[in-house]
PDB file of N, CA and C in Angstrom:
ATOM      1  N   MET A   1     -26.143  -2.621  15.033  1.00  0.00           N
ATOM      2  CA  MET A   1     -25.130  -3.364  14.257  1.00  0.00           C
ATOM      3  C   MET A   1     -25.680  -3.640  12.801  1.00  0.00           C
ATOM      4  N   MET A   2     -26.869  -3.632  12.590  1.00  0.00           N
ATOM      5  CA  MET A   2     -27.478  -3.799  11.236  1.00  0.00           C
ATOM      6  C   MET A   2     -27.056  -2.674  10.386  1.00  0.00           C
ATOM      7  N   ILE A   3     -26.926  -1.413  10.899  1.00  0.00           N
ATOM      8  CA  ILE A   3     -26.586  -0.236  10.104  1.00  0.00           C
ATOM      9  C   ILE A   3     -25.078  -0.391   9.696  1.00  0.00           C
ATOM     10  N   LEU A   4     -24.349  -0.812  10.696  1.00  0.00           N
ATOM     11  CA  LEU A   4     -22.865  -0.975  10.307  1.00  0.00           C
ATOM     12  C   LEU A   4     -22.712  -2.107   9.313  1.00  0.00           C
ATOM     13  N   ARG A   5     -23.477  -3.061   9.347  1.00  0.00           N
ATOM     14  CA  ARG A   5     -23.179  -4.119   8.360  1.00  0.00           C
ATOM     15  C   ARG A   5     -23.568  -3.630   6.952  1.00  0.00           C
ATOM     16  N   GLU A   6     -24.762  -2.834   6.886  1.00  0.00           N
ATOM     17  CA  GLU A   6     -25.153  -2.264   5.642  1.00  0.00           C
ATOM     18  C   GLU A   6     -24.144  -1.322   5.112  1.00  0.00           C
ATOM     19  N   ILE A   7     -23.539  -0.476   5.949  1.00  0.00           N
ATOM     20  CA  ILE A   7     -22.504   0.442   5.507  1.00  0.00           C
ATOM     21  C   ILE A   7     -21.336  -0.310   4.954  1.00  0.00           C
ATOM     22  N   VAL A   8     -20.821  -1.338   5.665  1.00  0.00           N
ATOM     23  CA  VAL A   8     -19.661  -2.098   5.078  1.00  0.00           C
ATOM     24  C   VAL A   8     -20.097  -2.767   3.846  1.00  0.00           C
ATOM     25  N   LEU A   9     -21.327  -3.306   3.593  1.00  0.00           N
ATOM     26  CA  LEU A   9     -21.647  -3.874   2.400  1.00  0.00           C
ATOM     27  C   LEU A   9     -21.790  -2.920   1.256  1.00  0.00           C
ATOM     28  N   ALA A  10     -22.215  -1.732   1.553  1.00  0.00           N
ATOM     29  CA  ALA A  10     -22.184  -0.636   0.629  1.00  0.00           C
ATOM     30  C   ALA A  10     -20.849  -0.178   0.164  1.00  0.00           C
ATOM     31  N   ILE A  11     -19.932  -0.101   1.106  1.00  0.00           N
ATOM     32  CA  ILE A  11     -18.460   0.087   0.841  1.00  0.00           C
ATOM     33  C   ILE A  11     -17.902  -0.997  -0.083  1.00  0.00           C
ATOM     34  N   ALA A  12     -18.267  -2.156   0.217  1.00  0.00           N
ATOM     35  CA  ALA A  12     -17.783  -3.319  -0.613  1.00  0.00           C
ATOM     36  C   ALA A  12     -18.291  -3.140  -2.003  1.00  0.00           C
ATOM     37  N   GLN A  13     -19.541  -2.750  -2.279  1.00  0.00           N
ATOM     38  CA  GLN A  13     -20.167  -2.566  -3.569  1.00  0.00           C
ATOM     39  C   GLN A  13     -19.443  -1.354  -4.290  1.00  0.00           C
ATOM     40  N   VAL A  14     -19.052  -0.323  -3.516  1.00  0.00           N
ATOM     41  CA  VAL A  14     -18.461   0.776  -4.115  1.00  0.00           C
ATOM     42  C   VAL A  14     -17.054   0.491  -4.564  1.00  0.00           C
ATOM     43  N   VAL A  15     -16.383  -0.208  -3.764  1.00  0.00           N
ATOM     44  CA  VAL A  15     -14.996  -0.685  -4.090  1.00  0.00           C
ATOM     45  C   VAL A  15     -14.986  -1.703  -5.277  1.00  0.00           C
ATOM     46  N   ASP A  16     -16.034  -2.542  -5.395  1.00  0.00           N
ATOM     47  CA  ASP A  16     -16.117  -3.452  -6.461  1.00  0.00           C
ATOM     48  C   ASP A  16     -16.417  -2.622  -7.797  1.00  0.00           C
ATOM     49  N   LEU A  17     -17.273  -1.686  -7.702  1.00  0.00           N
ATOM     50  CA  LEU A  17     -17.603  -0.808  -8.798  1.00  0.00           C
ATOM     51  C   LEU A  17     -16.396  -0.144  -9.312  1.00  0.00           C
ATOM     52  N   ALA A  18     -15.599   0.504  -8.277  1.00  0.00           N
ATOM     53  CA  ALA A  18     -14.443   1.338  -8.657  1.00  0.00           C
ATOM     54  C   ALA A  18     -13.402   0.447  -9.410  1.00  0.00           C
ATOM     55  N   PHE A  19     -13.248  -0.722  -8.958  1.00  0.00           N
ATOM     56  CA  PHE A  19     -12.249  -1.638  -9.570  1.00  0.00           C
ATOM     57  C   PHE A  19     -12.817  -2.091 -10.970  1.00  0.00           C
ATOM     58  N   GLY A  20     -14.108  -2.252 -11.104  1.00  0.00           N
ATOM     59  CA  GLY A  20     -14.682  -2.614 -12.446  1.00  0.00           C
ATOM     60  C   GLY A  20     -14.414  -1.453 -13.461  1.00  0.00           C
ATOM     61  N   ILE A  21     -14.661  -0.284 -13.015  1.00  0.00           N
ATOM     62  CA  ILE A  21     -14.485   0.914 -13.842  1.00  0.00           C
ATOM     63  C   ILE A  21     -13.017   0.980 -14.257  1.00  0.00           C
ATOM     64  N   TYR A  22     -12.165   0.844 -13.352  1.00  0.00           N
ATOM     65  CA  TYR A  22     -10.695   0.956 -13.627  1.00  0.00           C
ATOM     66  C   TYR A  22     -10.355  -0.078 -14.651  1.00  0.00           C
ATOM     67  N   ILE A  23     -10.850  -1.279 -14.442  1.00  0.00           N
ATOM     68  CA  ILE A  23     -10.568  -2.333 -15.342  1.00  0.00           C
ATOM     69  C   ILE A  23     -10.845  -1.998 -16.805  1.00  0.00           C
ATOM     70  N   PHE A  24     -12.076  -1.445 -17.032  1.00  0.00           N
ATOM     71  CA  PHE A  24     -12.531  -1.055 -18.289  1.00  0.00           C
ATOM     72  C   PHE A  24     -11.712   0.058 -18.868  1.00  0.00           C
ATOM     73  N   ILE A  25     -11.184   0.988 -18.047  1.00  0.00           N
ATOM     74  CA  ILE A  25     -10.217   2.031 -18.485  1.00  0.00           C
ATOM     75  C   ILE A  25      -9.050   1.484 -18.925  1.00  0.00           C
ATOM     76  N   VAL A  26      -8.471   0.420 -18.247  1.00  0.00           N
ATOM     77  CA  VAL A  26      -7.240  -0.247 -18.648  1.00  0.00           C
ATOM     78  C   VAL A  26      -7.552  -0.936 -20.018  1.00  0.00           C
ATOM     79  N   ILE A  27      -8.539  -1.543 -20.163  1.00  0.00           N
ATOM     80  CA  ILE A  27      -8.940  -2.231 -21.483  1.00  0.00           C
ATOM     81  C   ILE A  27      -8.997  -1.225 -22.608  1.00  0.00           C
ATOM     82  N   ALA A  28      -9.721  -0.133 -22.298  1.00  0.00           N
ATOM     83  CA  ALA A  28      -9.824   0.933 -23.400  1.00  0.00           C
ATOM     84  C   ALA A  28      -8.455   1.489 -23.703  1.00  0.00           C
ATOM     85  N   ARG A  29      -7.544   1.676 -22.629  1.00  0.00           N
ATOM     86  CA  ARG A  29      -6.232   2.127 -22.875  1.00  0.00           C
ATOM     87  C   ARG A  29      -5.454   1.136 -23.872  1.00  0.00           C
ATOM     88  N   ALA A  30      -5.681  -0.056 -23.539  1.00  0.00           N
ATOM     89  CA  ALA A  30      -4.899  -1.162 -24.403  1.00  0.00           C
ATOM     90  C   ALA A  30      -5.495  -1.185 -25.798  1.00  0.00           C
ATOM     91  N   LEU A  31      -6.774  -0.961 -25.896  1.00  0.00           N
ATOM     92  CA  LEU A  31      -7.323  -1.035 -27.362  1.00  0.00           C
ATOM     93  C   LEU A  31      -6.901   0.094 -28.123  1.00  0.00           C
ATOM     94  N   ILE A  32      -6.775   1.372 -27.475  1.00  0.00           N
ATOM     95  CA  ILE A  32      -6.480   2.495 -28.294  1.00  0.00           C
ATOM     96  C   ILE A  32      -4.924   2.468 -28.631  1.00  0.00           C
ATOM     97  N   SER A  33      -4.154   1.719 -27.973  1.00  0.00           N
ATOM     98  CA  SER A  33      -2.775   1.652 -28.219  1.00  0.00           C
ATOM     99  C   SER A  33      -2.497   0.862 -29.459  1.00  0.00           C
ATOM    100  N   TRP A  34      -3.514   0.164 -29.972  1.00  0.00           N
ATOM    101  CA  TRP A  34      -3.348  -0.587 -31.334  1.00  0.00           C
ATOM    102  C   TRP A  34      -3.422   0.315 -32.442  1.00  0.00           C
ATOM    103  N   VAL A  35      -4.070   1.485 -32.380  1.00  0.00           N
ATOM    104  CA  VAL A  35      -4.233   2.507 -33.391  1.00  0.00           C
ATOM    105  C   VAL A  35      -3.300   3.751 -33.044  1.00  0.00           C
ATOM    106  N   ASN A  36      -3.302   4.634 -33.862  1.00  0.00           N
ATOM    107  CA  ASN A  36      -2.598   5.845 -33.651  1.00  0.00           C
ATOM    108  C   ASN A  36      -3.479   6.886 -33.255  1.00  0.00           C
ATOM    109  N   PRO A  37      -3.809   7.119 -32.016  1.00  0.00           N
ATOM    110  CA  PRO A  37      -4.776   7.963 -31.510  1.00  0.00           C
ATOM    111  C   PRO A  37      -4.220   9.409 -31.518  1.00  0.00           C
ATOM    112  N   ASP A  38      -5.149  10.367 -31.567  1.00  0.00           N
ATOM    113  CA  ASP A  38      -4.748  11.788 -31.523  1.00  0.00           C
ATOM    114  C   ASP A  38      -4.366  12.060 -29.996  1.00  0.00           C
ATOM    115  N   PRO A  39      -3.166  12.401 -29.758  1.00  0.00           N
ATOM    116  CA  PRO A  39      -2.797  12.748 -28.395  1.00  0.00           C
ATOM    117  C   PRO A  39      -3.407  13.810 -27.656  1.00  0.00           C
ATOM    118  N   TYR A  40      -4.077  14.695 -28.476  1.00  0.00           N
ATOM    119  CA  TYR A  40      -4.732  15.844 -27.894  1.00  0.00           C
ATOM    120  C   TYR A  40      -6.171  15.661 -27.696  1.00  0.00           C
ATOM    121  N   ASN A  41      -6.712  14.502 -28.114  1.00  0.00           N
ATOM    122  CA  ASN A  41      -8.090  14.149 -27.790  1.00  0.00           C
ATOM    123  C   ASN A  41      -8.370  13.975 -26.310  1.00  0.00           C
ATOM    124  N   PRO A  42      -9.300  14.607 -25.758  1.00  0.00           N
ATOM    125  CA  PRO A  42      -9.549  14.514 -24.248  1.00  0.00           C
ATOM    126  C   PRO A  42      -9.748  13.059 -23.722  1.00  0.00           C
ATOM    127  N   ILE A  43     -10.360  12.289 -24.474  1.00  0.00           N
ATOM    128  CA  ILE A  43     -10.624  10.925 -23.971  1.00  0.00           C
ATOM    129  C   ILE A  43      -9.164  10.238 -23.995  1.00  0.00           C
ATOM    130  N   VAL A  44      -8.464  10.370 -25.020  1.00  0.00           N
ATOM    131  CA  VAL A  44      -7.055   9.686 -25.003  1.00  0.00           C
ATOM    132  C   VAL A  44      -6.330  10.236 -23.786  1.00  0.00           C
ATOM    133  N   ARG A  45      -6.281  11.556 -23.620  1.00  0.00           N
ATOM    134  CA  ARG A  45      -5.584  12.138 -22.486  1.00  0.00           C
ATOM    135  C   ARG A  45      -6.025  11.609 -21.189  1.00  0.00           C
ATOM    136  N   PHE A  46      -7.357  11.440 -21.062  1.00  0.00           N
ATOM    137  CA  PHE A  46      -7.893  10.953 -19.818  1.00  0.00           C
ATOM    138  C   PHE A  46      -7.390   9.449 -19.552  1.00  0.00           C
ATOM    139  N   LEU A  47      -7.492   8.690 -20.582  1.00  0.00           N
ATOM    140  CA  LEU A  47      -7.043   7.269 -20.521  1.00  0.00           C
ATOM    141  C   LEU A  47      -5.637   7.120 -20.073  1.00  0.00           C
ATOM    142  N   HIS A  48      -4.819   7.938 -20.774  1.00  0.00           N
ATOM    143  CA  HIS A  48      -3.326   7.937 -20.412  1.00  0.00           C
ATOM    144  C   HIS A  48      -3.067   8.454 -19.002  1.00  0.00           C
ATOM    145  N   ASN A  49      -3.725   9.551 -18.660  1.00  0.00           N
ATOM    146  CA  ASN A  49      -3.516  10.160 -17.331  1.00  0.00           C
ATOM    147  C   ASN A  49      -3.994   9.133 -16.189  1.00  0.00           C
ATOM    148  N   ALA A  50      -5.051   8.374 -16.490  1.00  0.00           N
ATOM    149  CA  ALA A  50      -5.653   7.529 -15.592  1.00  0.00           C
ATOM    150  C   ALA A  50      -4.792   6.197 -15.343  1.00  0.00           C
ATOM    151  N   THR A  51      -4.063   5.716 -16.349  1.00  0.00           N
ATOM    152  CA  THR A  51      -3.354   4.523 -16.446  1.00  0.00           C
ATOM    153  C   THR A  51      -1.839   4.602 -16.388  1.00  0.00           C
ATOM    154  N   ASP A  52      -1.310   5.783 -16.898  1.00  0.00           N
ATOM    155  CA  ASP A  52       0.064   5.838 -16.928  1.00  0.00           C
ATOM    156  C   ASP A  52       0.823   5.683 -15.612  1.00  0.00           C
ATOM    157  N   PRO A  53       0.396   6.263 -14.477  1.00  0.00           N
ATOM    158  CA  PRO A  53       1.130   6.127 -13.169  1.00  0.00           C
ATOM    159  C   PRO A  53       1.272   4.678 -12.852  1.00  0.00           C
ATOM    160  N   VAL A  54       0.237   3.809 -12.965  1.00  0.00           N
ATOM    161  CA  VAL A  54       0.427   2.425 -12.632  1.00  0.00           C
ATOM    162  C   VAL A  54       1.304   1.665 -13.689  1.00  0.00           C
ATOM    163  N   LEU A  55       0.932   1.888 -14.935  1.00  0.00           N
ATOM    164  CA  LEU A  55       1.786   1.098 -15.870  1.00  0.00           C
ATOM    165  C   LEU A  55       3.171   1.536 -15.971  1.00  0.00           C
ATOM    166  N   ASN A  56       3.450   2.780 -15.826  1.00  0.00           N
ATOM    167  CA  ASN A  56       4.874   3.211 -15.653  1.00  0.00           C
ATOM    168  C   ASN A  56       5.632   2.511 -14.545  1.00  0.00           C
ATOM    169  N   ARG A  57       4.967   2.426 -13.341  1.00  0.00           N
ATOM    170  CA  ARG A  57       5.472   1.621 -12.240  1.00  0.00           C
ATOM    171  C   ARG A  57       5.695   0.303 -12.531  1.00  0.00           C
ATOM    172  N   MET A  58       4.832  -0.343 -13.269  1.00  0.00           N
ATOM    173  CA  MET A  58       5.005  -1.727 -13.574  1.00  0.00           C
ATOM    174  C   MET A  58       6.143  -1.954 -14.548  1.00  0.00           C
ATOM    175  N   HIS A  59       6.297  -0.972 -15.455  1.00  0.00           N
ATOM    176  CA  HIS A  59       7.435  -1.002 -16.391  1.00  0.00           C
ATOM    177  C   HIS A  59       8.745  -0.926 -15.684  1.00  0.00           C
ATOM    178  N   ARG A  60       8.847  -0.159 -14.673  1.00  0.00           N
ATOM    179  CA  ARG A  60      10.095  -0.080 -13.940  1.00  0.00           C
ATOM    180  C   ARG A  60      10.349  -1.356 -13.121  1.00  0.00           C
ATOM    181  N   LEU A  61       9.320  -1.962 -12.527  1.00  0.00           N
ATOM    182  CA  LEU A  61       9.460  -3.250 -11.804  1.00  0.00           C
ATOM    183  C   LEU A  61       9.690  -4.434 -12.613  1.00  0.00           C
ATOM    184  N   LEU A  62       8.885  -4.617 -13.695  1.00  0.00           N
ATOM    185  CA  LEU A  62       8.876  -5.688 -14.500  1.00  0.00           C
ATOM    186  C   LEU A  62       8.961  -5.356 -15.979  1.00  0.00           C
ATOM    187  N   PRO A  63       9.994  -5.530 -16.756  1.00  0.00           N
ATOM    188  CA  PRO A  63      10.015  -5.363 -18.103  1.00  0.00           C
ATOM    189  C   PRO A  63       9.210  -6.356 -18.789  1.00  0.00           C
ATOM    190  N   LEU A  64       7.938  -5.995 -19.181  1.00  0.00           N
ATOM    191  CA  LEU A  64       7.000  -6.878 -19.884  1.00  0.00           C
ATOM    192  C   LEU A  64       6.797  -6.650 -21.343  1.00  0.00           C
ATOM    193  N   SER A  65       7.774  -6.219 -21.988  1.00  0.00           N
ATOM    194  CA  SER A  65       7.633  -5.967 -23.419  1.00  0.00           C
ATOM    195  C   SER A  65       8.497  -7.080 -24.107  1.00  0.00           C
ATOM    196  N   PHE A  66       7.858  -7.909 -24.965  1.00  0.00           N
ATOM    197  CA  PHE A  66       8.549  -8.933 -25.723  1.00  0.00           C
ATOM    198  C   PHE A  66       8.051  -8.838 -27.190  1.00  0.00           C
ATOM    199  N   GLY A  67       9.052  -8.741 -28.054  1.00  0.00           N
ATOM    200  CA  GLY A  67       8.802  -8.635 -29.466  1.00  0.00           C
ATOM    201  C   GLY A  67       7.992  -7.508 -29.841  1.00  0.00           C
ATOM    202  N   GLY A  68       8.090  -6.423 -29.169  1.00  0.00           N
ATOM    203  CA  GLY A  68       7.315  -5.095 -29.478  1.00  0.00           C
ATOM    204  C   GLY A  68       5.947  -5.113 -28.937  1.00  0.00           C
ATOM    205  N   ILE A  69       5.636  -6.222 -28.146  1.00  0.00           N
ATOM    206  CA  ILE A  69       4.224  -6.165 -27.656  1.00  0.00           C
ATOM    207  C   ILE A  69       4.437  -5.993 -26.114  1.00  0.00           C
ATOM    208  N   ASP A  70       3.548  -5.092 -25.573  1.00  0.00           N
ATOM    209  CA  ASP A  70       3.637  -4.746 -24.130  1.00  0.00           C
ATOM    210  C   ASP A  70       2.589  -5.598 -23.442  1.00  0.00           C
ATOM    211  N   PHE A  71       2.967  -6.467 -22.547  1.00  0.00           N
ATOM    212  CA  PHE A  71       2.181  -7.294 -21.771  1.00  0.00           C
ATOM    213  C   PHE A  71       1.644  -6.714 -20.373  1.00  0.00           C
ATOM    214  N   SER A  72       2.218  -5.516 -20.034  1.00  0.00           N
ATOM    215  CA  SER A  72       1.968  -4.930 -18.675  1.00  0.00           C
ATOM    216  C   SER A  72       0.406  -4.701 -18.559  1.00  0.00           C
ATOM    217  N   PRO A  73      -0.339  -4.255 -19.576  1.00  0.00           N
ATOM    218  CA  PRO A  73      -1.849  -4.137 -19.327  1.00  0.00           C
ATOM    219  C   PRO A  73      -2.544  -5.414 -18.923  1.00  0.00           C
ATOM    220  N   ILE A  74      -2.031  -6.475 -19.472  1.00  0.00           N
ATOM    221  CA  ILE A  74      -2.625  -7.860 -19.176  1.00  0.00           C
ATOM    222  C   ILE A  74      -2.280  -8.205 -17.759  1.00  0.00           C
ATOM    223  N   VAL A  75      -0.997  -8.015 -17.321  1.00  0.00           N
ATOM    224  CA  VAL A  75      -0.651  -8.241 -15.972  1.00  0.00           C
ATOM    225  C   VAL A  75      -1.393  -7.453 -14.980  1.00  0.00           C
ATOM    226  N   LEU A  76      -1.524  -6.170 -15.345  1.00  0.00           N
ATOM    227  CA  LEU A  76      -2.282  -5.200 -14.478  1.00  0.00           C
ATOM    228  C   LEU A  76      -3.751  -5.578 -14.383  1.00  0.00           C
ATOM    229  N   LEU A  77      -4.369  -6.097 -15.560  1.00  0.00           N
ATOM    230  CA  LEU A  77      -5.771  -6.518 -15.412  1.00  0.00           C
ATOM    231  C   LEU A  77      -5.918  -7.776 -14.470  1.00  0.00           C
ATOM    232  N   ILE A  78      -4.917  -8.667 -14.558  1.00  0.00           N
ATOM    233  CA  ILE A  78      -4.981  -9.841 -13.698  1.00  0.00           C
ATOM    234  C   ILE A  78      -4.775  -9.451 -12.275  1.00  0.00           C
ATOM    235  N   ALA A  79      -3.896  -8.628 -11.976  1.00  0.00           N
ATOM    236  CA  ALA A  79      -3.674  -8.028 -10.619  1.00  0.00           C
ATOM    237  C   ALA A  79      -4.865  -7.247 -10.082  1.00  0.00           C
ATOM    238  N   LEU A  80      -5.478  -6.528 -10.918  1.00  0.00           N
ATOM    239  CA  LEU A  80      -6.694  -5.785 -10.533  1.00  0.00           C
ATOM    240  C   LEU A  80      -7.912  -6.797 -10.152  1.00  0.00           C
ATOM    241  N   SER A  81      -8.009  -7.683 -10.983  1.00  0.00           N
ATOM    242  CA  SER A  81      -9.101  -8.694 -10.705  1.00  0.00           C
ATOM    243  C   SER A  81      -8.869  -9.506  -9.367  1.00  0.00           C
ATOM    244  N   PHE A  82      -7.607  -9.777  -9.228  1.00  0.00           N
ATOM    245  CA  PHE A  82      -7.275 -10.497  -8.067  1.00  0.00           C
ATOM    246  C   PHE A  82      -7.516  -9.694  -6.823  1.00  0.00           C
ATOM    247  N   VAL A  83      -7.002  -8.461  -6.859  1.00  0.00           N
ATOM    248  CA  VAL A  83      -7.228  -7.577  -5.757  1.00  0.00           C
ATOM    249  C   VAL A  83      -8.702  -7.195  -5.498  1.00  0.00           C
ATOM    250  N   GLN A  84      -9.444  -7.050  -6.547  1.00  0.00           N
ATOM    251  CA  GLN A  84     -10.903  -6.811  -6.475  1.00  0.00           C
ATOM    252  C   GLN A  84     -11.674  -7.916  -5.725  1.00  0.00           C
ATOM    253  N   ARG A  85     -11.313  -9.052  -6.096  1.00  0.00           N
ATOM    254  CA  ARG A  85     -12.036 -10.270  -5.476  1.00  0.00           C
ATOM    255  C   ARG A  85     -11.641 -10.406  -3.982  1.00  0.00           C
ATOM    256  N   ILE A  86     -10.319 -10.246  -3.703  1.00  0.00           N
ATOM    257  CA  ILE A  86      -9.928 -10.363  -2.322  1.00  0.00           C
ATOM    258  C   ILE A  86     -10.533  -9.291  -1.495  1.00  0.00           C
ATOM    259  N   LEU A  87     -10.555  -8.080  -1.984  1.00  0.00           N
ATOM    260  CA  LEU A  87     -11.113  -6.980  -1.155  1.00  0.00           C
ATOM    261  C   LEU A  87     -12.712  -7.191  -0.970  1.00  0.00           C
ATOM    262  N   LYS A  88     -13.394  -7.598  -2.022  1.00  0.00           N
ATOM    263  CA  LYS A  88     -14.723  -7.833  -1.854  1.00  0.00           C
ATOM    264  C   LYS A  88     -15.123  -8.978  -0.842  1.00  0.00           C
ATOM    265  N   VAL A  89     -14.357 -10.024  -1.057  1.00  0.00           N
ATOM    266  CA  VAL A  89     -14.624 -11.112  -0.031  1.00  0.00           C
ATOM    267  C   VAL A  89     -14.303 -10.785   1.473  1.00  0.00           C
ATOM    268  N   LEU A  90     -13.219  -9.965   1.597  1.00  0.00           N
ATOM    269  CA  LEU A  90     -12.875  -9.556   3.005  1.00  0.00           C
ATOM    270  C   LEU A  90     -13.884  -8.605   3.556  1.00  0.00           C
ATOM    271  N   LEU A  91     -14.321  -7.608   2.729  1.00  0.00           N
ATOM    272  CA  LEU A  91     -15.353  -6.636   3.162  1.00  0.00           C
ATOM    273  C   LEU A  91     -16.681  -7.280   3.539  1.00  0.00           C
ATOM    274  N   VAL A  92     -17.156  -8.283   2.696  1.00  0.00           N
ATOM    275  CA  VAL A  92     -18.372  -8.914   2.903  1.00  0.00           C
ATOM    276  C   VAL A  92     -18.266  -9.798   4.253  1.00  0.00           C
ATOM    277  N   GLN A  93     -17.149 -10.437   4.414  1.00  0.00           N
ATOM    278  CA  GLN A  93     -16.941 -11.264   5.577  1.00  0.00           C
ATOM    279  C   GLN A  93     -16.942 -10.406   6.832  1.00  0.00           C
ATOM    280  N   LEU A  94     -16.343  -9.216   6.690  1.00  0.00           N
ATOM    281  CA  LEU A  94     -16.399  -8.263   7.742  1.00  0.00           C
ATOM    282  C   LEU A  94     -17.655  -7.745   8.108  1.00  0.00           C
ATOM    283  N   ALA A  95     -18.429  -7.475   7.053  1.00  0.00           N
ATOM    284  CA  ALA A  95     -19.940  -7.094   7.246  1.00  0.00           C
ATOM    285  C   ALA A  95     -20.705  -8.131   8.036  1.00  0.00           C
ATOM    286  N   TYR A  96     -20.509  -9.331   7.583  1.00  0.00           N
ATOM    287  CA  TYR A  96     -21.364 -10.392   8.218  1.00  0.00           C
ATOM    288  C   TYR A  96     -20.848 -10.921   9.678  1.00  0.00           C
ATOM    289  N   SER A  97     -19.644 -10.365  10.008  1.00  0.00           N
ATOM    290  CA  SER A  97     -19.092 -10.685  11.300  1.00  0.00           C
ATOM    291  C   SER A  97     -19.791  -9.756  12.406  1.00  0.00           C
ATOM    292  N   PHE A  98     -20.481  -8.752  11.981  1.00  0.00           N
ATOM    293  CA  PHE A  98     -21.097  -7.789  12.934  1.00  0.00           C
ATOM    294  C   PHE A  98     -22.416  -8.350  13.422  1.00  0.00           C
TER     295      PHE A  98
END
């Protein structure tokens, strides 16, 4: 049972790290939107490819543009932080239940 506990705790850390990395990707995407980036730059293309599916879905569900400012990255960051904390707590509780 100790091995199973350690595996679940390791999974919790990996999930936490993945959410943290994606949060930084969303922040970087929001920051480059303030300037006029080169759309052919590989970094810009990666940021757009990594975040556009989620942000486009949010735009369809919730129109979050007011006065020319898009608030969907902020809502996405809040949602990601919330889900990150919930998943981490659930996985840690699951690990210590073994």
